């Protein structure tokens, strides 16, 4: 049993301390209090606390000194500052000094519980980052590359372990960039076929005629340009595994031939009349809703039910945020080795930004952001300045911290904030569209309803270029 989180409340008004302790105790926290900073620091020397809630102005050792001492001696403790003399300047100052939140008096029980929950979440992120910085390589290599310990990824790993020893057809659902090919490779690596060949085919990049030829092979003269017999992937993969990615792009005719293959394990080469029998395991993947496509007559119903034997749903990165840091450190270690750099990890600001981002391009996008940050980083920790994807956010934050002295200055600042906010939204719109289209500009423009030239002009406006790292995204995480 994990102990209830211990919270220390510091305020020179006993009534406030008692009320806060009572509110937090009802939420399952172990709360105690001190009436001044001096006594509170002694209590911290003798007991372990998760969160400290301190008043800003007190007679014996004020909130600022408490905050400084906590950050110096107990960096994992999250500090929430409360005050009846709230101002923008004091809020900015305490946040810069390391407070995780700032709560003006009076506040409601709901507000108190909310900031405490957020502080506990930030503490977990801090501890996770610290553990990852101190990490050691596992003594035994894992049989898959599925990084993370969230309940959702644990479920996926369990499903992989159960289905791998069988010959069942597997259907993997997941957004672009979530790592569907990794799932397929994990199934193959943990199967009895792991010493044989693994073929990955992206069905979205081939026309139906070419896909049919690639899968089944063709006889000489079966079509214009077929100058000799060619074995298809299925024959070359006999005894192994074939992974068909983005099967929603397969035409109805080829779906029918794949259905027959799944039923009989036999296929016909193009231009041949003699069926060939082989032993191949199929793993398929899609980022589309196949049941909707069946309803729209875009996908064969009989083929859908034949391949939907063992569906594995791979969650997007935004739904398993506790896996973001372990995945980021996994890629950091890879790129440090490739680039011969000695970067220990990410600083607190970079960690919070990585955790707050929604990652529309999922693991693939995170991989590329970490690669760029590793290239840019000139110290032993990656900071916000090394994360160019988020650089535009900082300018607005700095503007919001400024206090205008005149009405004209206020007008100018409001205009500048609006302009930067629009630029930020516009840039995120372009980045999001590119991430979801694997950095294919034509596809991104089409999906957003823009002409390719207009889309490209927006890319130029925001200095978004197709860096080599982006082009590598198509290879998957």
Protein backbone atom coordinates (compact mmCIF):
# COMPACT_ATOMS: atom_id res chain seq x y z
CA UNK A 1 0.00 0.00 0.00
CA UNK A 2 1.38 3.41 -0.98
CA UNK A 3 1.14 6.01 1.82
CA UNK A 4 -1.22 8.94 1.39
CA UNK A 5 0.62 12.04 0.08
CA UNK A 6 1.76 14.24 2.97
CA UNK A 7 0.99 17.95 2.66
CA UNK A 8 2.44 20.71 4.87
CA UNK A 9 0.49 23.96 5.23
CA UNK A 10 2.31 27.08 6.48
CA UNK A 11 0.35 30.20 7.50
CA UNK A 12 0.41 32.48 10.53
CA UNK A 13 -3.40 32.34 10.68
CA UNK A 14 -4.36 29.11 12.45
CA UNK A 15 -7.89 29.23 11.05
CA UNK A 16 -6.59 29.06 7.49
CA UNK A 17 -4.26 26.17 8.36
CA UNK A 18 -7.04 24.16 9.99
CA UNK A 19 -9.50 24.76 7.15
CA UNK A 20 -6.95 23.75 4.50
CA UNK A 21 -5.96 20.64 6.45
CA UNK A 22 -9.63 19.65 6.83
CA UNK A 23 -10.33 20.12 3.10
CA UNK A 24 -7.28 18.07 2.10
CA UNK A 25 -7.94 15.32 4.67
CA UNK A 26 -11.38 14.77 3.09
CA UNK A 27 -9.61 14.17 -0.23
CA UNK A 28 -7.41 11.44 1.28
CA UNK A 29 -4.27 13.48 1.93
CA UNK A 30 -2.30 13.46 5.18
CA UNK A 31 -2.19 17.16 6.06
CA UNK A 32 -0.45 18.96 8.93
CA UNK A 33 0.48 22.61 9.47
CA UNK A 34 2.94 25.08 10.97
CA UNK A 35 2.26 28.70 11.97
CA UNK A 36 5.59 30.05 10.71
CA UNK A 37 8.36 29.22 8.28
CA UNK A 38 10.92 28.49 11.01
CA UNK A 39 8.85 25.64 12.53
CA UNK A 40 7.91 24.37 9.06
CA UNK A 41 11.57 23.97 8.03
CA UNK A 42 12.23 21.95 11.19
CA UNK A 43 9.26 19.72 10.36
CA UNK A 44 10.65 19.15 6.86
CA UNK A 45 13.97 18.03 8.35
CA UNK A 46 12.14 15.35 10.35
CA UNK A 47 9.37 14.25 7.94
CA UNK A 48 8.90 13.59 4.25
CA UNK A 49 6.41 15.86 2.48
CA UNK A 50 5.14 15.77 -1.09
CA UNK A 51 3.70 19.31 -1.28
CA UNK A 52 4.19 22.48 0.78
CA UNK A 53 1.53 25.21 0.79
CA UNK A 54 3.01 28.40 2.20
CA UNK A 55 1.75 31.91 2.84
CA UNK A 56 3.92 34.59 1.25
CA UNK A 57 4.10 37.09 4.13
CA UNK A 58 4.84 35.74 7.64
CA UNK A 59 6.63 37.19 10.66
CA UNK A 60 9.17 34.36 11.24
CA UNK A 61 10.75 33.22 7.97
CA UNK A 62 8.49 34.29 5.10
CA UNK A 63 7.24 32.31 2.14
CA UNK A 64 10.03 33.41 -0.21
CA UNK A 65 12.72 32.04 2.13
CA UNK A 66 10.74 28.83 2.64
CA UNK A 67 10.53 28.43 -1.13
CA UNK A 68 14.28 29.00 -1.58
CA UNK A 69 15.18 26.55 1.22
CA UNK A 70 12.83 23.88 -0.12
CA UNK A 71 14.15 24.16 -3.69
CA UNK A 72 17.73 23.97 -2.35
CA UNK A 73 17.31 21.07 0.09
CA UNK A 74 14.22 19.16 -1.09
CA UNK A 75 13.92 19.67 -4.89
CA UNK A 76 11.21 17.01 -5.25
CA UNK A 77 8.81 18.88 -2.91
CA UNK A 78 6.35 21.01 -4.88
CA UNK A 79 5.63 24.44 -3.38
CA UNK A 80 2.30 26.28 -3.72
CA UNK A 81 2.37 29.93 -2.63
CA UNK A 82 -0.81 31.50 -1.18
CA UNK A 83 -1.21 35.18 -0.36
CA UNK A 84 -3.77 37.84 0.42
CA UNK A 85 -1.59 40.44 -1.32
CA UNK A 86 -1.72 39.02 -4.83
CA UNK A 87 -0.10 40.89 -7.71
CA UNK A 88 1.22 40.00 -11.14
CA UNK A 89 4.77 40.92 -10.08
CA UNK A 90 4.76 38.66 -7.00
CA UNK A 91 3.21 35.79 -8.97
CA UNK A 92 5.88 36.03 -11.67
CA UNK A 93 8.65 36.23 -9.05
CA UNK A 94 7.61 33.14 -7.08
CA UNK A 95 7.05 31.12 -10.27
CA UNK A 96 10.54 32.06 -11.49
CA UNK A 97 11.95 30.95 -8.13
CA UNK A 98 10.47 27.50 -8.60
CA UNK A 99 6.96 27.53 -7.13
CA UNK A 100 4.67 25.15 -9.01
CA UNK A 101 1.58 27.32 -8.49
CA UNK A 102 0.30 30.59 -7.01
CA UNK A 103 -3.08 30.87 -5.29
CA UNK A 104 -4.52 34.26 -4.22
CA UNK A 105 -6.68 34.41 -1.09
CA UNK A 106 -9.53 33.80 -0.66
CA UNK A 107 -9.75 30.52 -2.56
CA UNK A 108 -12.37 27.79 -2.70
CA UNK A 109 -11.93 24.15 -1.58
CA UNK A 110 -12.21 23.15 -5.24
CA UNK A 111 -9.35 25.51 -6.22
CA UNK A 112 -7.17 24.19 -3.37
CA UNK A 113 -7.75 20.55 -4.30
CA UNK A 114 -7.09 21.32 -7.98
CA UNK A 115 -3.69 22.98 -7.39
CA UNK A 116 -2.64 20.20 -5.00
CA UNK A 117 -3.53 17.53 -7.58
CA UNK A 118 -1.55 19.43 -10.19
CA UNK A 119 1.41 19.77 -7.80
CA UNK A 120 1.40 16.02 -7.15
CA UNK A 121 1.35 15.36 -10.90
CA UNK A 122 4.33 17.70 -11.36
CA UNK A 123 6.16 15.90 -8.55
CA UNK A 124 5.65 12.57 -10.33
CA UNK A 125 7.06 14.08 -13.53
CA UNK A 126 10.07 15.47 -11.62
CA UNK A 127 10.79 12.09 -10.00
CA UNK A 128 10.34 10.25 -13.30
CA UNK A 129 12.77 12.63 -15.02
CA UNK A 130 15.29 12.19 -12.17
CA UNK A 131 15.04 8.38 -12.40
CA UNK A 132 15.53 8.50 -16.17
CA UNK A 133 18.61 10.74 -15.84
CA UNK A 134 20.11 8.18 -13.41
CA UNK A 135 18.94 5.25 -15.53
CA UNK A 136 21.07 2.22 -16.29
CA UNK A 137 20.84 0.07 -19.40
CA UNK A 138 18.86 -3.14 -18.84
CA UNK A 139 21.10 -6.18 -18.37
CA UNK A 140 18.80 -8.26 -20.58
CA UNK A 141 17.54 -6.91 -23.94
CA UNK A 142 13.77 -6.73 -24.27
CA UNK A 143 12.06 -8.62 -27.08
CA UNK A 144 10.21 -5.56 -28.33
CA UNK A 145 10.74 -1.81 -28.56
CA UNK A 146 7.49 -0.74 -26.96
CA UNK A 147 8.65 1.81 -24.41
CA UNK A 148 6.50 2.85 -21.45
CA UNK A 149 4.64 1.58 -18.42
CA UNK A 150 1.22 3.22 -18.75
CA UNK A 151 -1.81 0.91 -18.34
CA UNK A 152 -2.67 1.33 -22.03
CA UNK A 153 0.75 0.31 -23.33
CA UNK A 154 0.92 -2.49 -20.73
CA UNK A 155 -2.32 -3.84 -22.20
CA UNK A 156 -0.85 -3.70 -25.71
CA UNK A 157 2.32 -5.53 -24.59
CA UNK A 158 0.21 -8.23 -22.90
CA UNK A 159 -1.83 -8.69 -26.08
CA UNK A 160 1.37 -8.98 -28.14
CA UNK A 161 2.77 -11.61 -25.76
CA UNK A 162 -0.44 -13.65 -25.95
CA UNK A 163 -0.87 -13.64 -29.73
CA UNK A 164 2.80 -13.89 -30.78
CA UNK A 165 3.23 -17.68 -30.26
CA UNK A 166 0.14 -18.38 -32.40
CA UNK A 167 -0.34 -18.04 -36.16
CA UNK A 168 -3.43 -15.84 -35.79
CA UNK A 169 -3.89 -12.88 -38.13
CA UNK A 170 -3.39 -9.60 -36.24
CA UNK A 171 -5.00 -6.25 -37.08
CA UNK A 172 -3.34 -3.18 -35.54
CA UNK A 173 -5.29 0.07 -35.23
CA UNK A 174 -3.48 3.35 -34.55
CA UNK A 175 -2.95 6.93 -35.66
CA UNK A 176 -0.05 7.80 -37.92
CA UNK A 177 3.23 7.72 -36.01
CA UNK A 178 2.05 5.59 -33.07
CA UNK A 179 4.36 2.68 -33.98
CA UNK A 180 2.14 0.14 -35.71
CA UNK A 181 5.13 -1.46 -37.44
CA UNK A 182 6.80 -1.85 -34.04
CA UNK A 183 3.82 -3.92 -32.92
CA UNK A 184 4.13 -6.11 -36.01
CA UNK A 185 7.86 -6.58 -35.45
CA UNK A 186 7.24 -7.37 -31.76
CA UNK A 187 4.72 -10.07 -32.71
CA UNK A 188 7.21 -11.53 -35.21
CA UNK A 189 10.16 -11.33 -32.76
CA UNK A 190 8.23 -13.25 -30.10
CA UNK A 191 6.85 -15.89 -32.47
CA UNK A 192 8.18 -19.24 -33.65
CA UNK A 193 8.93 -17.50 -36.97
CA UNK A 194 11.46 -15.11 -35.42
CA UNK A 195 14.40 -16.74 -37.25
CA UNK A 196 12.70 -16.21 -40.62
CA UNK A 197 12.07 -13.17 -42.83
CA UNK A 198 9.86 -10.18 -41.95
CA UNK A 199 8.49 -8.14 -44.87
CA UNK A 200 6.85 -4.72 -44.34
CA UNK A 201 4.71 -3.31 -47.16
CA UNK A 202 3.20 0.20 -47.17
CA UNK A 203 -0.02 -0.27 -49.14
CA UNK A 204 -0.58 3.49 -49.28
CA UNK A 205 2.41 4.08 -51.56
CA UNK A 206 1.53 1.52 -54.27
CA UNK A 207 -1.22 1.44 -56.88
CA UNK A 208 -3.49 -1.60 -56.74
CA UNK A 209 -1.93 -3.19 -59.86
CA UNK A 210 1.58 -2.66 -58.57
CA UNK A 211 0.63 -3.88 -55.08
CA UNK A 212 -0.87 -7.08 -56.52
CA UNK A 213 2.29 -7.70 -58.53
CA UNK A 214 4.53 -7.00 -55.53
CA UNK A 215 2.57 -9.35 -53.24
CA UNK A 216 1.80 -12.25 -55.58
CA UNK A 217 4.49 -11.88 -58.25
CA UNK A 218 3.95 -12.16 -62.02
CA UNK A 219 4.77 -14.31 -65.02
CA UNK A 220 6.65 -13.07 -68.04
CA UNK A 221 4.32 -11.26 -70.45
CA UNK A 222 1.46 -10.93 -67.94
CA UNK A 223 1.45 -7.15 -68.51
CA UNK A 224 3.39 -4.50 -70.43
CA UNK A 225 6.91 -4.37 -69.03
CA UNK A 226 6.82 -7.87 -67.48
CA UNK A 227 9.94 -9.10 -69.32
CA UNK A 228 10.61 -12.03 -66.98
CA UNK A 229 9.06 -14.04 -64.16
CA UNK A 230 9.19 -12.35 -60.76
CA UNK A 231 8.47 -13.93 -57.38
CA UNK A 232 6.25 -11.81 -55.11
CA UNK A 233 6.72 -10.96 -51.46
CA UNK A 234 4.47 -13.81 -50.33
CA UNK A 235 6.63 -16.45 -51.98
CA UNK A 236 9.88 -14.85 -50.76
CA UNK A 237 8.42 -14.66 -47.23
CA UNK A 238 7.42 -18.34 -47.10
CA UNK A 239 7.69 -19.44 -43.47
CA UNK A 240 7.90 -15.84 -42.24
CA UNK A 241 5.71 -12.80 -41.58
CA UNK A 242 4.29 -10.16 -43.93
CA UNK A 243 3.14 -6.83 -42.51
CA UNK A 244 0.64 -4.88 -44.65
CA UNK A 245 0.44 -1.28 -43.43
CA UNK A 246 -2.46 1.07 -44.26
CA UNK A 247 -4.70 -1.67 -45.67
CA UNK A 248 -7.56 0.84 -45.97
CA UNK A 249 -5.85 1.91 -49.23
CA UNK A 250 -6.19 -1.54 -50.83
CA UNK A 251 -8.75 -1.78 -53.63
CA UNK A 252 -11.74 -4.13 -53.43
CA UNK A 253 -10.34 -6.52 -56.06
CA UNK A 254 -7.04 -7.02 -54.21
CA UNK A 255 -8.97 -7.36 -50.94
CA UNK A 256 -10.83 -10.29 -52.52
CA UNK A 257 -7.56 -11.99 -53.51
CA UNK A 258 -6.14 -11.47 -50.02
CA UNK A 259 -9.33 -12.93 -48.55
CA UNK A 260 -8.91 -16.06 -50.70
CA UNK A 261 -5.27 -16.32 -49.61
CA UNK A 262 -6.25 -16.12 -45.92
CA UNK A 263 -8.87 -18.83 -46.43
CA UNK A 264 -6.73 -21.28 -48.45
CA UNK A 265 -3.11 -20.08 -48.05
CA UNK A 266 -2.96 -20.29 -51.85
CA UNK A 267 -2.41 -17.53 -54.42
CA UNK A 268 -2.01 -17.04 -58.14
CA UNK A 269 0.86 -15.12 -59.69
CA UNK A 270 -0.32 -12.57 -62.26
CA UNK A 271 -0.54 -14.35 -65.61
CA UNK A 272 -0.40 -17.83 -64.05
CA UNK A 273 -3.11 -20.50 -63.77
CA UNK A 274 -1.46 -22.76 -61.20
CA UNK A 275 -2.10 -21.85 -57.54
CA UNK A 276 0.87 -21.88 -55.16
CA UNK A 277 0.58 -22.79 -51.50
CA UNK A 278 2.79 -21.10 -48.89
CA UNK A 279 3.00 -20.61 -45.13
CA UNK A 280 2.95 -16.89 -44.31
CA UNK A 281 1.58 -15.08 -41.29
CA UNK A 282 -0.22 -11.79 -42.03
CA UNK A 283 -0.21 -8.77 -39.75
CA UNK A 284 -2.22 -5.79 -40.99
CA UNK A 285 -2.53 -2.20 -39.81
CA UNK A 286 -4.67 0.85 -40.46
CA UNK A 287 -5.28 4.37 -39.15
CA UNK A 288 -8.85 4.39 -40.49
CA UNK A 289 -12.16 3.18 -39.03
CA UNK A 290 -12.76 0.06 -41.12
CA UNK A 291 -16.34 -0.46 -39.88
CA UNK A 292 -17.25 2.96 -41.28
CA UNK A 293 -15.54 2.09 -44.56
CA UNK A 294 -17.52 -1.17 -44.71
CA UNK A 295 -20.75 0.80 -44.20
CA UNK A 296 -19.73 3.10 -47.08
CA UNK A 297 -18.91 0.11 -49.34
CA UNK A 298 -15.27 1.17 -49.45
CA UNK A 299 -14.04 -1.98 -47.71
CA UNK A 300 -15.22 -5.58 -48.18
CA UNK A 301 -17.28 -6.80 -45.24
CA UNK A 302 -16.17 -10.43 -45.61
CA UNK A 303 -12.50 -9.38 -45.76
CA UNK A 304 -12.95 -7.15 -42.69
CA UNK A 305 -14.40 -9.97 -40.59
CA UNK A 306 -11.64 -12.32 -41.75
CA UNK A 307 -8.82 -9.99 -40.68
CA UNK A 308 -10.47 -8.71 -37.49
CA UNK A 309 -9.42 -11.89 -35.63
CA UNK A 310 -7.20 -10.26 -33.03
CA UNK A 311 -7.40 -6.45 -33.07
CA UNK A 312 -4.77 -4.49 -31.14
CA UNK A 313 -5.56 -0.81 -30.57
CA UNK A 314 -2.41 1.28 -30.21
CA UNK A 315 -3.26 4.46 -28.24
CA UNK A 316 -1.99 7.89 -29.37
CA UNK A 317 0.79 9.44 -27.32
CA UNK A 318 -1.51 12.10 -25.83
CA UNK A 319 -3.51 9.30 -24.15
CA UNK A 320 -0.47 7.82 -22.41
CA UNK A 321 1.42 10.88 -21.24
CA UNK A 322 3.37 9.00 -18.56
CA UNK A 323 5.20 7.25 -21.43
CA UNK A 324 6.38 10.49 -23.08
CA UNK A 325 9.54 10.89 -20.97
CA UNK A 326 10.70 7.24 -21.15
CA UNK A 327 10.27 7.33 -24.94
CA UNK A 328 12.08 10.69 -25.17
CA UNK A 329 15.01 9.32 -23.13
CA UNK A 330 15.08 6.18 -25.28
CA UNK A 331 15.54 8.32 -28.40
CA UNK A 332 17.97 10.67 -26.62
CA UNK A 333 20.22 7.72 -25.82
CA UNK A 334 20.11 6.59 -29.47
CA UNK A 335 20.97 10.01 -30.87
CA UNK A 336 23.69 10.71 -28.29
CA UNK A 337 25.35 7.48 -29.38
CA UNK A 338 25.02 8.39 -33.08
CA UNK A 339 26.23 11.98 -32.62
CA UNK A 340 28.85 11.16 -29.95
CA UNK A 341 27.26 13.55 -27.42
CA UNK A 342 27.06 13.27 -23.63
CA UNK A 343 23.64 14.69 -22.75
CA UNK A 344 22.26 13.46 -19.43
CA UNK A 345 18.64 14.43 -20.00
CA UNK A 346 16.08 17.25 -20.09
CA UNK A 347 15.80 20.17 -17.68
CA UNK A 348 12.54 20.83 -15.79
CA UNK A 349 11.20 23.45 -18.24
CA UNK A 350 11.82 21.18 -21.22
CA UNK A 351 10.16 18.27 -19.41
CA UNK A 352 7.02 20.26 -18.64
CA UNK A 353 6.78 21.44 -22.24
CA UNK A 354 7.21 17.91 -23.61
CA UNK A 355 4.52 16.64 -21.23
CA UNK A 356 2.07 19.46 -22.06
CA UNK A 357 2.28 19.05 -25.85
CA UNK A 358 -0.43 16.95 -27.60
CA UNK A 359 1.92 15.29 -30.13
CA UNK A 360 -0.35 15.08 -33.20
CA UNK A 361 2.41 13.15 -34.98
CA UNK A 362 2.74 10.79 -32.00
CA UNK A 363 5.96 8.85 -31.32
CA UNK A 364 7.37 9.65 -34.77
CA UNK A 365 7.05 13.38 -34.09
CA UNK A 366 8.59 13.03 -30.62
CA UNK A 367 11.52 11.14 -32.14
CA UNK A 368 12.24 13.95 -34.58
CA UNK A 369 11.93 16.66 -31.92
CA UNK A 370 14.44 14.79 -29.71
CA UNK A 371 16.80 14.35 -32.68
CA UNK A 372 16.75 18.09 -33.45
CA UNK A 373 17.19 18.94 -29.76
CA UNK A 374 20.17 16.57 -29.49
CA UNK A 375 21.80 18.25 -32.51
CA UNK A 376 21.19 21.75 -31.09
CA UNK A 377 22.05 21.08 -27.42
CA UNK A 378 25.43 22.46 -26.30
CA UNK A 379 25.22 21.49 -22.61
CA UNK A 380 24.54 18.32 -20.63
CA UNK A 381 20.79 19.00 -20.42
CA UNK A 382 18.29 19.77 -23.18
CA UNK A 383 16.43 23.03 -22.44
CA UNK A 384 13.56 24.94 -24.05
CA UNK A 385 15.89 26.76 -26.44
CA UNK A 386 16.83 23.36 -27.89
CA UNK A 387 13.19 22.58 -28.65
CA UNK A 388 12.48 24.79 -31.70
CA UNK A 389 8.99 23.32 -32.06
CA UNK A 390 7.96 25.28 -28.96
CA UNK A 391 10.12 28.41 -29.29
CA UNK A 392 7.23 30.65 -30.43
CA UNK A 393 5.33 30.02 -27.18
CA UNK A 394 8.05 31.66 -25.11
CA UNK A 395 7.71 35.06 -26.82
CA UNK A 396 4.03 35.34 -25.83
CA UNK A 397 4.83 34.24 -22.29
CA UNK A 398 7.44 36.98 -21.96
CA UNK A 399 4.98 39.59 -23.25
CA UNK A 400 2.33 38.49 -20.75
CA UNK A 401 4.82 39.01 -17.91
CA UNK A 402 5.30 42.68 -18.86
CA UNK A 403 3.22 45.44 -17.27
CA UNK A 404 2.42 48.42 -19.57
CA UNK A 405 2.89 51.91 -18.06
CA UNK A 406 0.66 53.92 -20.45
CA UNK A 407 -2.49 53.37 -22.47
CA UNK A 408 -0.52 53.61 -25.72
CA UNK A 409 1.89 50.96 -24.48
CA UNK A 410 -1.08 48.77 -23.51
CA UNK A 411 -2.54 49.07 -27.04
CA UNK A 412 0.81 48.24 -28.61
CA UNK A 413 1.28 45.18 -26.38
CA UNK A 414 -2.26 43.92 -27.05
CA UNK A 415 -1.67 44.19 -30.80
CA UNK A 416 1.68 42.40 -30.54
CA UNK A 417 0.20 39.58 -28.41
CA UNK A 418 -2.64 39.12 -30.93
CA UNK A 419 -0.16 38.97 -33.82
CA UNK A 420 2.10 36.46 -32.06
CA UNK A 421 -0.90 34.36 -30.99
CA UNK A 422 -2.15 34.21 -34.59
CA UNK A 423 1.34 33.31 -35.81
CA UNK A 424 1.57 30.58 -33.19
CA UNK A 425 -1.83 29.09 -34.14
CA UNK A 426 -0.94 29.31 -37.84
CA UNK A 427 2.42 27.62 -37.33
CA UNK A 428 0.92 24.86 -35.16
CA UNK A 429 -1.75 24.37 -37.84
CA UNK A 430 0.93 23.75 -40.47
CA UNK A 431 3.07 21.54 -38.20
CA UNK A 432 0.04 19.51 -37.16
CA UNK A 433 -1.01 18.95 -40.79
CA UNK A 434 2.52 17.94 -41.80
CA UNK A 435 2.93 15.59 -38.84
CA UNK A 436 -0.34 13.83 -39.66
CA UNK A 437 0.73 13.45 -43.30
CA UNK A 438 4.25 12.16 -42.61
CA UNK A 439 5.64 15.50 -43.90
CA UNK A 440 4.13 15.00 -47.34
CA UNK A 441 3.28 18.59 -48.36
CA UNK A 442 0.80 17.59 -51.07
CA UNK A 443 -1.17 15.33 -48.74
CA UNK A 444 -1.08 17.90 -45.91
CA UNK A 445 -2.44 20.63 -48.20
CA UNK A 446 -5.18 18.33 -49.48
CA UNK A 447 -6.27 17.29 -45.97
CA UNK A 448 -6.49 20.91 -44.78
CA UNK A 449 -8.35 22.14 -47.87
CA UNK A 450 -5.57 24.50 -49.00
CA UNK A 451 -3.96 24.84 -52.41
CA UNK A 452 -0.46 23.39 -52.35
CA UNK A 453 1.07 26.78 -53.26
CA UNK A 454 -0.78 28.52 -50.40
CA UNK A 455 0.25 25.78 -47.98
CA UNK A 456 3.86 26.06 -49.15
CA UNK A 457 3.75 29.87 -48.72
CA UNK A 458 2.66 29.41 -45.11
CA UNK A 459 5.57 27.03 -44.60
CA UNK A 460 7.96 29.66 -45.97
CA UNK A 461 6.36 32.37 -43.82
CA UNK A 462 7.02 30.38 -40.64
CA UNK A 463 10.41 29.08 -41.82
CA UNK A 464 9.25 25.45 -41.77
CA UNK A 465 11.56 23.42 -43.98
CA UNK A 466 11.70 19.74 -44.86
CA UNK A 467 14.75 18.92 -42.73
CA UNK A 468 16.34 15.54 -43.26
CA UNK A 469 14.89 14.49 -39.91
CA UNK A 470 11.40 15.07 -41.28
CA UNK A 471 12.08 12.99 -44.36
CA UNK A 472 13.23 10.17 -42.12
CA UNK A 473 9.86 10.14 -40.38
CA UNK A 474 8.44 7.82 -43.02
CA UNK A 475 10.73 5.09 -41.68
CA UNK A 476 8.77 5.08 -38.42
CA UNK A 477 9.92 5.33 -34.79
